[in-house]
Protein backbone atom coordinates (compact mmCIF):
# COMPACT_ATOMS: atom_id res chain seq x y z
CA MET A 1 -20.33 -3.03 -21.75
CA VAL A 2 -20.64 -1.39 -18.29
CA LEU A 3 -19.73 -3.48 -15.39
CA THR A 4 -21.44 -2.00 -12.31
CA ALA A 5 -19.59 -1.99 -8.93
CA GLU A 6 -21.96 -4.49 -7.60
CA MET A 7 -21.67 -6.85 -10.71
CA ALA A 8 -17.88 -6.59 -10.37
CA ARG A 9 -17.91 -7.54 -6.66
CA ARG A 10 -20.11 -10.66 -7.32
CA LEU A 11 -17.83 -11.62 -10.19
CA ALA A 12 -14.77 -11.15 -7.89
CA PHE A 13 -16.69 -13.40 -5.33
CA ILE A 14 -17.05 -16.04 -8.10
CA ARG A 15 -13.21 -15.82 -8.94
CA LEU A 16 -12.50 -16.47 -5.33
CA LEU A 17 -14.93 -19.46 -5.10
CA VAL A 18 -13.50 -21.11 -8.15
CA ALA A 19 -10.08 -20.84 -6.58
CA ARG A 20 -11.35 -22.59 -3.51
CA ALA A 21 -12.91 -25.28 -5.47
CA ASP A 22 -9.70 -25.62 -7.49
CA GLU A 23 -7.62 -26.07 -4.34
CA GLU A 24 -10.33 -28.67 -2.81
CA SER A 25 -10.17 -30.60 -6.00
CA GLY A 26 -6.22 -31.30 -5.31
CA GLN A 27 -7.08 -33.04 -2.14
CA PRO A 28 -6.98 -36.74 -1.64
CA PRO A 29 -10.33 -38.57 -2.04
CA PRO A 30 -12.86 -38.40 -0.40
CA PHE A 31 -12.20 -34.73 0.29
CA SER A 32 -11.87 -33.88 -3.34
CA TYR A 33 -15.37 -35.16 -4.15
CA ASP A 34 -17.10 -32.03 -2.84
CA SER A 35 -15.30 -29.99 -5.36
CA ILE A 36 -17.64 -31.39 -7.92
CA ASN A 37 -20.51 -29.70 -6.07
CA ARG A 38 -18.61 -26.49 -5.57
CA PHE A 39 -17.66 -26.27 -9.35
CA HIS A 40 -21.27 -26.73 -10.19
CA ASP A 41 -22.42 -24.00 -7.96
CA VAL A 42 -19.75 -21.51 -9.16
CA ALA A 43 -20.58 -22.27 -12.72
CA GLU A 44 -24.28 -21.74 -12.16
CA MET A 45 -23.38 -18.50 -10.26
CA PHE A 46 -21.35 -17.17 -13.09
CA LEU A 47 -23.88 -17.93 -15.73
CA ALA A 48 -26.80 -16.55 -13.67
CA LEU A 49 -24.79 -13.33 -13.19
CA ALA A 50 -24.21 -13.18 -16.93
CA ALA A 51 -27.85 -13.57 -17.63
CA GLN A 52 -28.60 -10.71 -15.27
CA GLN A 53 -25.88 -8.59 -16.88
CA HIS A 54 -27.59 -9.06 -20.22
CA HIS A 55 -31.04 -8.77 -18.91
CA LEU A 56 -32.05 -12.52 -19.66
CA THR A 57 -34.49 -14.65 -17.85
CA ILE A 58 -32.71 -17.21 -15.75
CA PRO A 59 -33.46 -20.83 -16.76
CA SER A 60 -34.64 -23.57 -14.46
CA ASP A 61 -31.66 -25.77 -14.99
CA LEU A 62 -27.90 -25.35 -15.62
CA LEU A 63 -27.96 -26.52 -19.30
CA GLY A 64 -30.83 -24.04 -20.03
CA TYR A 65 -28.15 -21.34 -20.25
CA TRP A 66 -26.85 -22.73 -23.46
CA ASN A 67 -30.14 -21.86 -25.12
CA ILE A 68 -30.29 -18.20 -24.11
CA PHE A 69 -26.68 -16.79 -24.77
CA GLU A 70 -26.39 -17.50 -28.51
CA PRO A 71 -28.28 -14.27 -29.62
CA VAL A 72 -26.20 -12.23 -27.11
CA LEU A 73 -22.71 -13.86 -28.25
CA GLY A 74 -23.58 -14.40 -31.87
CA ARG A 75 -22.39 -18.00 -31.35
CA PRO A 76 -23.13 -20.99 -29.05
CA LEU A 77 -21.85 -20.83 -25.56
CA GLY A 78 -18.94 -23.07 -25.34
CA TYR A 79 -18.18 -26.28 -23.43
CA ARG A 80 -22.01 -27.81 -23.76
CA ALA A 81 -20.78 -31.37 -24.12
CA GLN A 82 -18.31 -31.23 -21.36
CA MET A 83 -20.74 -29.58 -19.09
CA GLN A 84 -23.23 -32.10 -19.73
CA LYS A 85 -20.83 -34.93 -18.82
CA PHE A 86 -19.81 -33.03 -15.74
CA ASN A 87 -23.39 -32.63 -14.77
CA LYS A 88 -24.09 -36.22 -14.93
CA VAL A 89 -21.36 -36.87 -12.49
CA ARG A 90 -22.65 -34.23 -10.17
CA VAL A 91 -26.09 -35.83 -10.15
CA ASN A 92 -24.75 -39.31 -9.65
CA LEU A 93 -22.67 -37.96 -6.60
CA LYS A 94 -25.35 -35.78 -4.93
CA HIS A 95 -28.46 -37.99 -5.51
CA TYR A 96 -26.94 -41.48 -5.87
CA GLY A 97 -23.88 -41.35 -3.72
CA ALA A 98 -21.65 -42.51 -6.68
CA GLU A 99 -18.02 -41.44 -5.88
CA PRO A 100 -16.36 -39.72 -8.67
CA ALA A 101 -13.16 -41.13 -10.27
CA PRO A 102 -9.96 -38.81 -9.96
CA THR A 103 -10.33 -38.31 -13.78
CA GLU A 104 -13.93 -37.16 -13.36
CA VAL A 105 -12.86 -34.55 -10.66
CA GLU A 106 -10.02 -33.31 -12.97
CA HIS A 107 -12.53 -33.09 -15.71
CA ALA A 108 -14.88 -30.97 -13.74
CA ARG A 109 -12.07 -28.75 -12.60
CA THR A 110 -10.50 -28.14 -16.15
CA THR A 111 -14.11 -27.74 -17.81
CA VAL A 112 -15.58 -25.12 -15.40
CA LYS A 113 -12.17 -23.09 -15.11
CA ALA A 114 -12.06 -23.13 -18.91
CA LEU A 115 -15.62 -22.22 -19.32
CA LEU A 116 -15.31 -19.10 -16.85
CA ALA A 117 -11.91 -18.04 -18.40
CA ASP A 118 -13.05 -18.27 -22.01
CA GLU A 119 -16.53 -16.77 -21.80
CA CYS A 120 -15.86 -14.01 -19.26
CA PRO A 121 -14.42 -11.57 -21.68
CA ASP A 122 -17.49 -11.76 -24.07
CA LEU A 123 -20.13 -11.99 -21.35
CA PHE A 124 -18.84 -9.30 -19.05
CA GLY A 125 -16.31 -7.34 -21.07
CA VAL A 126 -13.42 -8.28 -18.74
CA ALA A 127 -11.07 -11.35 -18.14
CA LEU A 128 -11.92 -13.05 -14.87
CA ASP A 129 -8.21 -12.97 -13.88
CA ASP A 130 -8.39 -9.13 -14.16
CA VAL A 131 -11.18 -8.92 -11.73
CA SER A 132 -9.89 -7.34 -8.59
CA LEU A 133 -10.46 -9.27 -5.30
CA THR A 134 -9.44 -6.29 -3.04
CA ALA A 135 -13.00 -5.05 -2.64
CA PHE A 136 -13.59 -7.69 0.05
CA VAL A 137 -10.77 -6.09 2.30
CA SER A 138 -12.30 -3.44 4.51
CA SER A 139 -8.98 -2.14 5.91
CA ASP A 140 -7.73 0.56 3.59
CA ASP A 141 -4.10 0.00 4.55
CA SER A 142 -4.35 -3.66 3.91
CA ARG A 143 -6.21 -3.19 0.57
CA GLU A 144 -3.33 -0.84 -0.63
CA LEU A 145 -0.84 -3.21 0.24
CA LEU A 146 -2.70 -6.06 -1.61
CA GLU A 147 -3.06 -4.02 -4.68
CA SER A 148 0.84 -3.29 -4.42
CA ALA A 149 1.60 -6.88 -4.11
CA GLU A 150 -0.40 -7.45 -7.41
CA ARG A 151 1.55 -4.68 -9.03
CA ASN A 152 5.06 -5.89 -7.76
CA TRP A 153 4.12 -9.44 -8.84
CA THR A 154 3.17 -8.47 -12.26
CA ALA A 155 6.38 -6.46 -12.52
CA GLY A 156 8.39 -9.42 -11.61
CA ASP A 157 9.59 -8.24 -8.07
CA GLU A 158 8.86 -11.58 -6.12
CA ARG A 159 10.40 -10.55 -2.85
CA GLU A 160 8.50 -6.99 -2.53
CA ALA A 161 5.11 -8.86 -3.75
CA PHE A 162 5.33 -11.48 -1.00
CA ALA A 163 6.49 -8.70 1.54
CA ASP A 164 3.48 -6.74 0.72
CA LEU A 165 1.26 -9.85 1.14
CA ALA A 166 2.87 -10.50 4.59
CA ASP A 167 2.28 -6.78 5.52
CA SER A 168 -1.27 -6.85 4.12
CA PHE A 169 -2.16 -9.89 6.29
CA GLU A 170 -0.60 -8.35 9.60
CA THR A 171 -2.17 -5.04 8.93
CA LEU A 172 -5.67 -6.66 8.21
CA VAL A 173 -5.44 -8.44 11.61
CA ARG A 174 -4.10 -5.58 13.63
CA ASP A 175 -6.87 -3.22 12.12
CA TYR A 176 -9.54 -5.68 13.40
CA GLU A 177 -7.82 -6.06 16.70
CA GLN A 178 -7.20 -2.50 17.36
CA ARG A 179 -10.82 -1.40 16.67
CA LYS A 180 -11.82 -3.40 19.79
CA MET A 181 -10.08 -1.69 22.75
CA LEU A 182 -10.65 -2.19 26.48
CA GLY A 183 -8.35 0.86 27.27
CA HIS A 184 -5.02 2.36 26.19
CA SER A 185 -3.30 0.02 23.99
CA ARG A 186 -5.14 -2.92 25.20
CA SER A 187 -7.38 -4.92 23.03
CA VAL A 188 -10.14 -7.47 24.11
CA PHE A 189 -7.94 -10.02 22.32
CA ASP A 190 -4.64 -9.46 24.35
CA THR A 191 -3.60 -12.40 26.49
CA THR A 192 -0.14 -11.22 27.52
CA ALA A 193 0.98 -8.19 29.59
CA ASP A 194 2.28 -5.21 27.76
CA MET A 195 5.97 -5.77 27.58
CA THR A 196 7.13 -2.62 26.14
CA PHE A 197 8.92 -1.39 29.16
CA LEU A 198 10.11 -4.73 30.18
CA SER A 199 12.50 -5.00 27.26
CA PRO A 200 16.18 -5.11 28.01
CA PHE A 201 16.55 -1.55 26.43
CA PHE A 202 14.29 -0.07 29.08
CA ARG A 203 15.43 -2.22 31.87
CA ARG A 204 19.18 -1.54 31.10
CA VAL A 205 20.18 -5.05 31.05
CA GLU A 206 23.99 -5.25 30.67
CA SER A 207 24.59 -8.98 30.27
CA ARG A 208 24.58 -9.78 26.66
CA ASP A 209 23.41 -13.37 27.54
CA GLN A 210 20.56 -12.07 29.74
CA ARG A 211 19.49 -9.57 26.96
CA LYS A 212 19.28 -12.38 24.34
CA PHE A 213 17.20 -14.44 26.83
CA ASP A 214 14.93 -11.64 27.70
CA GLU A 215 14.29 -10.72 24.04
CA ALA A 216 13.67 -14.47 23.10
CA VAL A 217 11.05 -14.78 25.77
CA ILE A 218 9.33 -11.57 24.96
CA ASP A 219 9.32 -12.24 21.18
CA SER A 220 7.93 -15.79 21.94
CA LEU A 221 5.23 -14.51 24.02
CA LYS A 222 4.27 -11.86 21.34
CA ALA A 223 4.13 -14.56 18.74
CA LEU A 224 2.24 -16.96 20.96
CA ASP A 225 -0.32 -14.11 21.73
CA PHE A 226 -0.73 -13.37 17.81
CA ALA A 227 -1.37 -17.22 17.39
CA VAL A 228 -3.93 -17.31 20.13
CA MET A 229 -5.60 -14.39 18.65
CA LEU A 230 -5.71 -15.92 15.03
CA ALA A 231 -7.06 -19.15 16.56
CA GLY A 232 -9.74 -17.16 18.32
CA PHE A 233 -10.77 -15.53 15.11
CA GLY A 234 -11.23 -18.91 13.48
CA VAL A 235 -8.38 -18.61 10.97
CA ASP A 236 -7.42 -21.79 9.26
CA PHE A 237 -3.95 -22.70 10.94
CA ARG A 238 -3.22 -25.08 8.18
CA ARG A 239 -3.50 -22.34 5.51
CA TYR A 240 -1.90 -19.81 7.92
CA GLY A 241 1.13 -22.12 8.29
CA LYS A 242 1.52 -22.44 4.37
CA PHE A 243 0.96 -18.51 4.06
CA LYS A 244 3.81 -17.85 6.63
CA ALA A 245 6.13 -20.36 5.13
CA LEU A 246 5.73 -18.54 1.58
CA THR A 247 5.95 -14.93 2.97
CA PRO A 248 9.15 -13.31 4.30
CA GLU A 249 9.81 -12.06 7.76
CA ILE A 250 9.13 -8.34 8.14
CA ALA A 251 11.20 -6.04 10.04
CA ARG A 252 11.16 -2.16 10.64
CA THR A 253 13.60 0.55 11.54
CA LEU A 254 12.68 3.20 14.01
CA ASN A 255 11.53 5.47 11.19
CA GLY A 256 9.22 2.90 9.97
CA GLN A 257 11.15 1.58 6.88
CA ARG A 258 10.30 -1.90 5.96
CA HIS A 259 12.84 -4.59 5.38
CA SER A 260 12.06 -8.08 4.42
CA TYR A 261 14.10 -11.34 4.87
CA ASP A 262 13.31 -14.73 3.19
CA ARG A 263 13.85 -17.77 5.58
CA ARG A 264 16.49 -20.14 4.66
CA GLY A 265 15.29 -22.70 2.18
CA THR A 266 12.42 -20.53 0.94
CA PRO A 267 11.60 -21.95 -2.56
CA VAL A 268 11.19 -19.95 -5.66
CA ARG A 269 7.42 -18.94 -5.38
CA SER A 270 5.02 -19.57 -8.30
CA GLN A 271 1.84 -17.92 -9.55
CA ALA A 272 -0.02 -20.59 -7.73
CA ASP A 273 1.70 -19.65 -4.51
CA PHE A 274 0.96 -16.03 -5.03
CA GLU A 275 -2.61 -16.57 -5.63
CA PHE A 276 -2.95 -18.94 -2.70
CA CYS A 277 -1.56 -16.13 -0.37
CA ARG A 278 -3.68 -13.50 -1.94
CA ASP A 279 -6.80 -15.51 -1.71
CA PHE A 280 -5.95 -16.41 1.99
CA ILE A 281 -5.96 -12.84 2.93
CA VAL A 282 -9.21 -12.17 1.05
CA THR A 283 -10.93 -15.05 2.70
CA THR A 284 -9.67 -14.02 6.10
CA ALA A 285 -10.93 -10.44 5.34
CA ILE A 286 -14.38 -11.81 4.44
CA HIS A 287 -14.40 -14.16 7.56
CA LEU A 288 -13.54 -11.22 9.91
CA ALA A 289 -16.21 -9.12 8.40
CA GLU A 290 -18.80 -11.72 9.24
CA TYR A 291 -18.64 -10.28 12.84
CA ASP A 292 -17.09 -7.03 13.07
CA TYR A 293 -17.73 -4.00 15.46
CA ASP A 294 -15.72 -1.08 16.73
CA LEU A 295 -15.36 -0.71 20.34
CA ASP A 296 -13.31 1.73 22.60
CA TRP A 297 -13.98 1.35 26.31
CA SER A 298 -11.60 4.18 27.09
CA GLU A 299 -13.91 6.54 25.28
CA ALA A 300 -16.96 5.08 26.65
CA TYR A 301 -15.72 5.24 30.13
CA ARG A 302 -14.79 8.78 29.63
CA ALA A 303 -18.41 9.61 28.47
CA VAL A 304 -19.54 7.74 31.45
CA ARG A 305 -17.37 9.79 33.99
CA LEU A 306 -18.39 13.00 32.32
CA ALA A 307 -22.06 12.14 32.61
CA ARG A 308 -21.65 11.09 36.34
CA GLY A 309 -19.75 14.39 36.93
CA ALA A 310 -22.49 16.39 35.60
CA GLU A 311 -25.13 14.49 37.72
CA SER A 312 -23.01 15.04 40.79
CA SER A 313 -22.65 18.69 39.94
CA ASP A 314 -26.34 19.18 39.40
CA ALA A 315 -27.20 17.38 42.93
CA SER A 316 -24.71 19.59 44.79
CA THR A 317 -26.17 22.74 43.31
CA ALA A 318 -29.65 21.64 44.08
């Protein structure tokens, strides 16, 4: 079975959406209620994509899919009774405002996730968990780090996997920032002055206490500048806080070698933690891609000066 790049991308999007619905279902009521609609939408997207993959006519309602896949699979599509029960809960919520019970939210979560996980190999020739999400990350360097994180996590190297995730996010944001330059080393998103040459090293500060104070102020301003930029990008700071707590601090030597340091009290990180951080990077990449552009005013200004210089030259010659 051939899965085209476009179909693989759409399947990756479905994988991302079911993860978001899964997360939402774990929130307290009434915030968990909308996961019912989200799970329905993602199940319908999955089955519609499968129908297109096998050149079948998309039915007019969700349960109609159970009538069209049996010739393809050689067996009935699974979870019909569970999906019928789930669909009634969704209809009651959407059309009649009937609040679902926690057990009904949990039933929706387990049913849809099981349907997608169990049927994906036969419908698409690939396990849903094996579909890469990295296609949504436009930055090549960030995408490579995300792929490295997947490899390290699979190999059991927790520290390096989460260091890759931290590095991937930083690289993604910096790539977006640095393609929007007002001049030399100045992005449209910079709010603090360039403090490179204000550091104690360049100022030859002798007092140890003064050096520590200066470095603390400069580091704090840099961190504040980064946080302001993320807020301006519309990044969900609640999720960013969890991401930051789970990923290690990154430091680099002068030759660019990376070192990672876990904060004191960092817990043993789980598969769910890894998936949360990975999905946070991917959703941030999608969010940034909604409004992206390249801007370099230094190049634009140079072109304007050259044009004006040519005009002045022509005028003086005339």
